[in-house]
C-alpha atoms as a PDB file:
ATOM      1  CA  MET A   1      -8.350  -8.833 -20.582  1.00  0.00           C
ATOM      2  CA  ILE A   2     -10.554 -11.676 -19.404  1.00  0.00           C
ATOM      3  CA  MET A   3     -13.373 -13.260 -21.385  1.00  0.00           C
ATOM      4  CA  TYR A   4     -16.015 -14.922 -19.255  1.00  0.00           C
ATOM      5  CA  SER A   5     -17.725 -17.584 -21.320  1.00  0.00           C
ATOM      6  CA  THR A   6     -19.347 -21.019 -21.502  1.00  0.00           C
ATOM      7  CA  PRO A   7     -18.360 -23.880 -23.813  1.00  0.00           C
ATOM      8  CA  TRP A   8     -21.767 -23.891 -25.549  1.00  0.00           C
ATOM      9  CA  CYS A   9     -21.942 -20.139 -26.257  1.00  0.00           C
ATOM     10  CA  GLY A  10     -21.837 -19.459 -30.003  1.00  0.00           C
ATOM     11  CA  TYR A  11     -21.140 -15.758 -29.493  1.00  0.00           C
ATOM     12  CA  CYS A  12     -18.159 -16.677 -27.312  1.00  0.00           C
ATOM     13  CA  SER A  13     -16.776 -19.052 -29.946  1.00  0.00           C
ATOM     14  CA  ARG A  14     -17.120 -16.413 -32.659  1.00  0.00           C
ATOM     15  CA  LEU A  15     -15.398 -13.730 -30.587  1.00  0.00           C
ATOM     16  CA  LYS A  16     -12.563 -16.105 -29.577  1.00  0.00           C
ATOM     17  CA  ALA A  17     -11.969 -16.919 -33.253  1.00  0.00           C
ATOM     18  CA  GLN A  18     -11.925 -13.213 -34.116  1.00  0.00           C
ATOM     19  CA  PHE A  19      -9.416 -12.547 -31.318  1.00  0.00           C
ATOM     20  CA  GLY A  20      -7.238 -15.332 -32.713  1.00  0.00           C
ATOM     21  CA  ARG A  21      -7.296 -13.885 -36.227  1.00  0.00           C
ATOM     22  CA  GLU A  22      -6.478 -10.419 -34.878  1.00  0.00           C
ATOM     23  CA  GLY A  23      -3.742 -11.619 -32.505  1.00  0.00           C
ATOM     24  CA  ILE A  24      -5.592 -10.263 -29.454  1.00  0.00           C
ATOM     25  CA  ALA A  25      -4.429 -11.971 -26.260  1.00  0.00           C
ATOM     26  CA  PHE A  26      -6.998 -12.825 -23.606  1.00  0.00           C
ATOM     27  CA  GLU A  27      -7.597 -15.099 -20.662  1.00  0.00           C
ATOM     28  CA  GLU A  28     -10.741 -17.242 -20.777  1.00  0.00           C
ATOM     29  CA  VAL A  29     -12.783 -18.239 -17.729  1.00  0.00           C
ATOM     30  CA  ASN A  30     -15.626 -20.740 -18.012  1.00  0.00           C
ATOM     31  CA  ILE A  31     -18.327 -19.477 -15.644  1.00  0.00           C
ATOM     32  CA  GLU A  32     -19.816 -22.972 -15.384  1.00  0.00           C
ATOM     33  CA  GLU A  33     -16.610 -24.189 -13.717  1.00  0.00           C
ATOM     34  CA  HIS A  34     -16.001 -21.131 -11.517  1.00  0.00           C
ATOM     35  CA  PRO A  35     -18.924 -19.985  -9.334  1.00  0.00           C
ATOM     36  CA  ASP A  36     -17.058 -16.824  -8.282  1.00  0.00           C
ATOM     37  CA  ALA A  37     -16.670 -15.882 -11.954  1.00  0.00           C
ATOM     38  CA  ALA A  38     -20.376 -16.526 -12.557  1.00  0.00           C
ATOM     39  CA  ALA A  39     -21.169 -14.201  -9.636  1.00  0.00           C
ATOM     40  CA  LEU A  40     -18.944 -11.482 -11.134  1.00  0.00           C
ATOM     41  CA  VAL A  41     -20.696 -11.812 -14.502  1.00  0.00           C
ATOM     42  CA  GLU A  42     -24.066 -11.526 -12.766  1.00  0.00           C
ATOM     43  CA  GLN A  43     -22.893  -8.409 -10.932  1.00  0.00           C
ATOM     44  CA  VAL A  44     -21.766  -6.765 -14.177  1.00  0.00           C
ATOM     45  CA  ASN A  45     -24.949  -7.749 -16.036  1.00  0.00           C
ATOM     46  CA  GLY A  46     -27.779  -6.866 -13.671  1.00  0.00           C
ATOM     47  CA  GLY A  47     -28.135 -10.380 -12.242  1.00  0.00           C
ATOM     48  CA  ASN A  48     -27.821 -12.222 -15.565  1.00  0.00           C
ATOM     49  CA  GLN A  49     -25.106 -14.683 -16.544  1.00  0.00           C
ATOM     50  CA  THR A  50     -24.682 -13.115 -19.982  1.00  0.00           C
ATOM     51  CA  VAL A  51     -21.628 -14.238 -21.947  1.00  0.00           C
ATOM     52  CA  PRO A  52     -19.330 -13.321 -23.446  1.00  0.00           C
ATOM     53  CA  THR A  53     -18.528 -10.720 -20.839  1.00  0.00           C
ATOM     54  CA  ILE A  54     -15.141  -9.068 -21.287  1.00  0.00           C
ATOM     55  CA  VAL A  55     -13.431  -7.425 -18.307  1.00  0.00           C
ATOM     56  CA  PHE A  56     -10.510  -5.133 -19.071  1.00  0.00           C
ATOM     57  CA  ALA A  57      -7.441  -4.310 -16.982  1.00  0.00           C
ATOM     58  CA  ASP A  58      -9.034  -1.038 -15.853  1.00  0.00           C
ATOM     59  CA  GLY A  59     -12.000  -2.944 -14.384  1.00  0.00           C
ATOM     60  CA  THR A  60     -14.537  -1.909 -17.015  1.00  0.00           C
ATOM     61  CA  ALA A  61     -16.606  -4.510 -18.832  1.00  0.00           C
ATOM     62  CA  LEU A  62     -18.385  -5.078 -22.128  1.00  0.00           C
ATOM     63  CA  THR A  63     -21.155  -7.634 -22.595  1.00  0.00           C
ATOM     64  CA  ASN A  64     -21.456  -9.501 -25.886  1.00  0.00           C
ATOM     65  CA  PRO A  65     -19.275  -6.920 -27.644  1.00  0.00           C
ATOM     66  CA  SER A  66     -18.331  -6.798 -31.283  1.00  0.00           C
ATOM     67  CA  LEU A  67     -14.687  -7.133 -32.272  1.00  0.00           C
ATOM     68  CA  ALA A  68     -14.721  -3.424 -33.170  1.00  0.00           C
ATOM     69  CA  GLN A  69     -15.921  -2.486 -29.666  1.00  0.00           C
ATOM     70  CA  VAL A  70     -13.173  -4.540 -28.048  1.00  0.00           C
ATOM     71  CA  LYS A  71     -10.490  -3.088 -30.319  1.00  0.00           C
ATOM     72  CA  ALA A  72     -11.704   0.447 -29.604  1.00  0.00           C
ATOM     73  CA  LYS A  73     -11.625  -0.210 -25.855  1.00  0.00           C
ATOM     74  CA  LEU A  74      -8.130  -1.712 -26.029  1.00  0.00           C
ATOM     75  CA  ALA A  75      -6.902   1.313 -27.979  1.00  0.00           C
ATOM     76  CA  ALA A  76      -8.336   3.634 -25.299  1.00  0.00           C
ATOM     77  CA  VAL A  77      -6.817   1.804 -22.321  1.00  0.00           C
END
């Protein structure tokens, strides 16, 4: 699972902290440092660079999800 984020995003910080408490492993990509990642986020979000965007191993994505949504998706994969 990959979390696309920015350093200044409060929602990203909150979700990262929740993942840490829950022991959920993820890779983080800062879209400000990786233009190709920013383009992927835009593609997933109708042209917007909305973060956090989570992309799962099956290629599906969630935008600004709650911890419960991520856990439900991980349980289904």
